[in-house]
Structures are given as structure tokens and as C-alpha cells.
C-alpha atoms as a PDB file:
ATOM      1  CA  UNK A   1       0.000   0.000   0.000  1.00  0.00           C
ATOM      2  CA  UNK A   2       1.355   3.414  -0.930  1.00  0.00           C
ATOM      3  CA  UNK A   3       1.025   6.528   1.189  1.00  0.00           C
ATOM      4  CA  UNK A   4       0.317   9.978  -0.230  1.00  0.00           C
ATOM      5  CA  UNK A   5       3.052  12.480   0.531  1.00  0.00           C
ATOM      6  CA  UNK A   6       2.847  15.733  -1.445  1.00  0.00           C
ATOM      7  CA  UNK A   7       0.759  17.529  -4.075  1.00  0.00           C
ATOM      8  CA  UNK A   8       2.685  18.033  -7.335  1.00  0.00           C
ATOM      9  CA  UNK A   9       0.356  19.438  -9.969  1.00  0.00           C
ATOM     10  CA  UNK A  10      -2.443  18.716 -12.412  1.00  0.00           C
ATOM     11  CA  UNK A  11      -2.840  15.435 -14.305  1.00  0.00           C
ATOM     12  CA  UNK A  12      -2.248  15.891 -18.059  1.00  0.00           C
ATOM     13  CA  UNK A  13      -4.927  13.282 -18.880  1.00  0.00           C
ATOM     14  CA  UNK A  14      -7.947  13.948 -16.664  1.00  0.00           C
ATOM     15  CA  UNK A  15      -7.164  17.302 -15.020  1.00  0.00           C
ATOM     16  CA  UNK A  16      -7.302  15.868 -11.502  1.00  0.00           C
ATOM     17  CA  UNK A  17      -4.416  16.121  -9.011  1.00  0.00           C
ATOM     18  CA  UNK A  18      -0.979  14.475  -9.194  1.00  0.00           C
ATOM     19  CA  UNK A  19       0.626  13.399  -5.931  1.00  0.00           C
ATOM     20  CA  UNK A  20       3.899  11.874  -4.795  1.00  0.00           C
ATOM     21  CA  UNK A  21       3.290   8.401  -3.410  1.00  0.00           C
ATOM     22  CA  UNK A  22       5.738   6.435  -1.285  1.00  0.00           C
ATOM     23  CA  UNK A  23       5.682   2.638  -0.928  1.00  0.00           C
ATOM     24  CA  UNK A  24       6.779   0.544   2.032  1.00  0.00           C
ATOM     25  CA  UNK A  25      10.035  -0.220   0.231  1.00  0.00           C
ATOM     26  CA  UNK A  26      10.671   3.576   0.122  1.00  0.00           C
ATOM     27  CA  UNK A  27      10.182   3.848  -3.640  1.00  0.00           C
ATOM     28  CA  UNK A  28       8.640   7.131  -4.749  1.00  0.00           C
ATOM     29  CA  UNK A  29       6.455   7.778  -7.761  1.00  0.00           C
ATOM     30  CA  UNK A  30       4.014  10.339  -9.118  1.00  0.00           C
ATOM     31  CA  UNK A  31       0.491   9.204  -9.864  1.00  0.00           C
ATOM     32  CA  UNK A  32      -2.942  10.700 -10.447  1.00  0.00           C
ATOM     33  CA  UNK A  33      -5.181  10.631  -7.379  1.00  0.00           C
ATOM     34  CA  UNK A  34      -8.119   9.516  -9.563  1.00  0.00           C
ATOM     35  CA  UNK A  35      -8.182   5.694  -9.609  1.00  0.00           C
ATOM     36  CA  UNK A  36     -10.147   5.620 -12.886  1.00  0.00           C
ATOM     37  CA  UNK A  37      -7.664   7.814 -14.761  1.00  0.00           C
ATOM     38  CA  UNK A  38      -5.671   6.166 -17.568  1.00  0.00           C
ATOM     39  CA  UNK A  39      -2.502   8.092 -16.654  1.00  0.00           C
ATOM     40  CA  UNK A  40       0.080   5.570 -15.408  1.00  0.00           C
ATOM     41  CA  UNK A  41       2.382   7.974 -13.611  1.00  0.00           C
ATOM     42  CA  UNK A  42       6.143   7.546 -13.328  1.00  0.00           C
ATOM     43  CA  UNK A  43       8.910   6.794 -10.864  1.00  0.00           C
ATOM     44  CA  UNK A  44      11.043   9.500  -9.289  1.00  0.00           C
ATOM     45  CA  UNK A  45      14.463   9.297  -7.601  1.00  0.00           C
ATOM     46  CA  UNK A  46      14.582   7.510  -4.263  1.00  0.00           C
ATOM     47  CA  UNK A  47      17.114   9.859  -2.714  1.00  0.00           C
ATOM     48  CA  UNK A  48      17.228  13.617  -2.461  1.00  0.00           C
ATOM     49  CA  UNK A  49      14.826  16.232  -1.229  1.00  0.00           C
ATOM     50  CA  UNK A  50      12.066  17.047  -3.726  1.00  0.00           C
ATOM     51  CA  UNK A  51      10.679  20.521  -4.358  1.00  0.00           C
ATOM     52  CA  UNK A  52       7.825  21.319  -6.700  1.00  0.00           C
ATOM     53  CA  UNK A  53       8.931  24.175  -8.968  1.00  0.00           C
ATOM     54  CA  UNK A  54       5.457  25.039 -10.263  1.00  0.00           C
ATOM     55  CA  UNK A  55       6.719  24.802 -13.865  1.00  0.00           C
ATOM     56  CA  UNK A  56       5.389  22.441 -16.539  1.00  0.00           C
ATOM     57  CA  UNK A  57       7.674  20.549 -18.932  1.00  0.00           C
ATOM     58  CA  UNK A  58       6.736  21.478 -22.521  1.00  0.00           C
ATOM     59  CA  UNK A  59       7.812  18.077 -23.880  1.00  0.00           C
ATOM     60  CA  UNK A  60       5.957  15.751 -21.467  1.00  0.00           C
ATOM     61  CA  UNK A  61       3.335  18.183 -20.081  1.00  0.00           C
ATOM     62  CA  UNK A  62       4.133  17.172 -16.473  1.00  0.00           C
ATOM     63  CA  UNK A  63       5.408  19.213 -13.486  1.00  0.00           C
ATOM     64  CA  UNK A  64       9.140  19.867 -13.144  1.00  0.00           C
ATOM     65  CA  UNK A  65      10.634  18.777  -9.807  1.00  0.00           C
ATOM     66  CA  UNK A  66      13.889  19.980  -8.273  1.00  0.00           C
ATOM     67  CA  UNK A  67      15.884  17.108  -6.741  1.00  0.00           C
ATOM     68  CA  UNK A  68      18.130  18.706  -4.141  1.00  0.00           C
ATOM     69  CA  UNK A  69      21.093  16.935  -2.592  1.00  0.00           C
ATOM     70  CA  UNK A  70      22.597  18.059   0.708  1.00  0.00           C
ATOM     71  CA  UNK A  71      26.053  17.772   2.275  1.00  0.00           C
ATOM     72  CA  UNK A  72      26.239  16.891   5.954  1.00  0.00           C
ATOM     73  CA  UNK A  73      28.208  19.441   7.982  1.00  0.00           C
ATOM     74  CA  UNK A  74      29.458  19.263  11.585  1.00  0.00           C
ATOM     75  CA  UNK A  75      26.991  19.721  14.463  1.00  0.00           C
ATOM     76  CA  UNK A  76      24.085  18.198  12.545  1.00  0.00           C
ATOM     77  CA  UNK A  77      23.824  20.933   9.935  1.00  0.00           C
ATOM     78  CA  UNK A  78      23.303  20.516   6.202  1.00  0.00           C
ATOM     79  CA  UNK A  79      24.288  22.562   3.150  1.00  0.00           C
ATOM     80  CA  UNK A  80      22.791  22.224  -0.325  1.00  0.00           C
ATOM     81  CA  UNK A  81      25.204  20.761  -2.883  1.00  0.00           C
ATOM     82  CA  UNK A  82      24.541  22.659  -6.150  1.00  0.00           C
ATOM     83  CA  UNK A  83      26.759  20.287  -8.155  1.00  0.00           C
ATOM     84  CA  UNK A  84      24.552  17.268  -7.429  1.00  0.00           C
ATOM     85  CA  UNK A  85      21.138  18.965  -7.589  1.00  0.00           C
ATOM     86  CA  UNK A  86      19.125  18.580 -10.788  1.00  0.00           C
ATOM     87  CA  UNK A  87      15.637  18.843 -12.310  1.00  0.00           C
ATOM     88  CA  UNK A  88      13.353  15.906 -13.070  1.00  0.00           C
ATOM     89  CA  UNK A  89      10.183  15.357 -15.111  1.00  0.00           C
ATOM     90  CA  UNK A  90       9.573  11.814 -16.363  1.00  0.00           C
ATOM     91  CA  UNK A  91      13.342  11.533 -16.541  1.00  0.00           C
ATOM     92  CA  UNK A  92      16.251  13.771 -15.519  1.00  0.00           C
ATOM     93  CA  UNK A  93      16.245  17.035 -17.481  1.00  0.00           C
ATOM     94  CA  UNK A  94      19.993  16.805 -18.093  1.00  0.00           C
ATOM     95  CA  UNK A  95      19.345  13.775 -20.369  1.00  0.00           C
ATOM     96  CA  UNK A  96      16.905  15.691 -22.600  1.00  0.00           C
ATOM     97  CA  UNK A  97      18.153  16.548 -26.101  1.00  0.00           C
ATOM     98  CA  UNK A  98      16.269  19.868 -26.006  1.00  0.00           C
ATOM     99  CA  UNK A  99      17.747  21.133 -22.720  1.00  0.00           C
ATOM    100  CA  UNK A 100      19.715  23.938 -24.411  1.00  0.00           C
ATOM    101  CA  UNK A 101      16.545  25.394 -25.963  1.00  0.00           C
ATOM    102  CA  UNK A 102      14.194  24.754 -23.025  1.00  0.00           C
ATOM    103  CA  UNK A 103      12.943  28.042 -21.553  1.00  0.00           C
ATOM    104  CA  UNK A 104      11.339  26.252 -18.591  1.00  0.00           C
ATOM    105  CA  UNK A 105      14.669  24.697 -17.590  1.00  0.00           C
ATOM    106  CA  UNK A 106      16.423  28.063 -17.871  1.00  0.00           C
ATOM    107  CA  UNK A 107      13.786  29.629 -15.620  1.00  0.00           C
ATOM    108  CA  UNK A 108      14.110  26.792 -13.091  1.00  0.00           C
ATOM    109  CA  UNK A 109      17.890  27.194 -12.972  1.00  0.00           C
ATOM    110  CA  UNK A 110      17.483  30.886 -12.149  1.00  0.00           C
ATOM    111  CA  UNK A 111      15.205  30.082  -9.198  1.00  0.00           C
ATOM    112  CA  UNK A 112      17.355  27.276  -7.795  1.00  0.00           C
END
């Protein structure tokens, strides 16, 4: 059984809500909350803190997530590691062939 964790955006198929679900084995995926929707959803990285950017990928028509990695510092503090942070839609944005021309990705990089 999967537990609902966080609202992500609007389903591209039915217009209902997309949520991050987490399974008992700690796998995370995005799925439409509507059980009768034909949208299958997709898996997202298991590690890293996720932030919803509020932007929509023009290629896949799904929300863009920021996967943020943190470095552990002394005394229990953490610092964001910009070298290991990246953006994710149905797959990592750095693997997209259109990343150089993508205005959404450029806007996301300015914010993060």
C-alpha cells in the first residue's frame, strides 16, 4: 500500500491532481489521485529532497521537480550541494536533447 506524501500538480490526462506516493520499500512515484484515470504515472528518484517548482515541462506536459542533494556538515547541519542537484520530469532534465533550448529549464535554474 502506498502513502500519499505531497501535491505536485495537475494530471495531463484527466485534469485531476498528481501526488507523490511512497511505498513501504521507500520507492517514490508520481500518480494521479483519480483511480479511474488512464494516466500511469512515473517513478522519481529515491534519494534527495524534492521541491515542486510550479513549472510544466513542454515536452511531457508534467510538473518539473527539483531534486536537491545536501552535504552533511558538523553539528548536525546541512548545506545544499549545487553540483549534485538537478531537475526531473519523467526523466532527468539533463538527459533531454532539447535542454539547451528549453525556456522552462532556464527559468528553473534561475530560481534554484
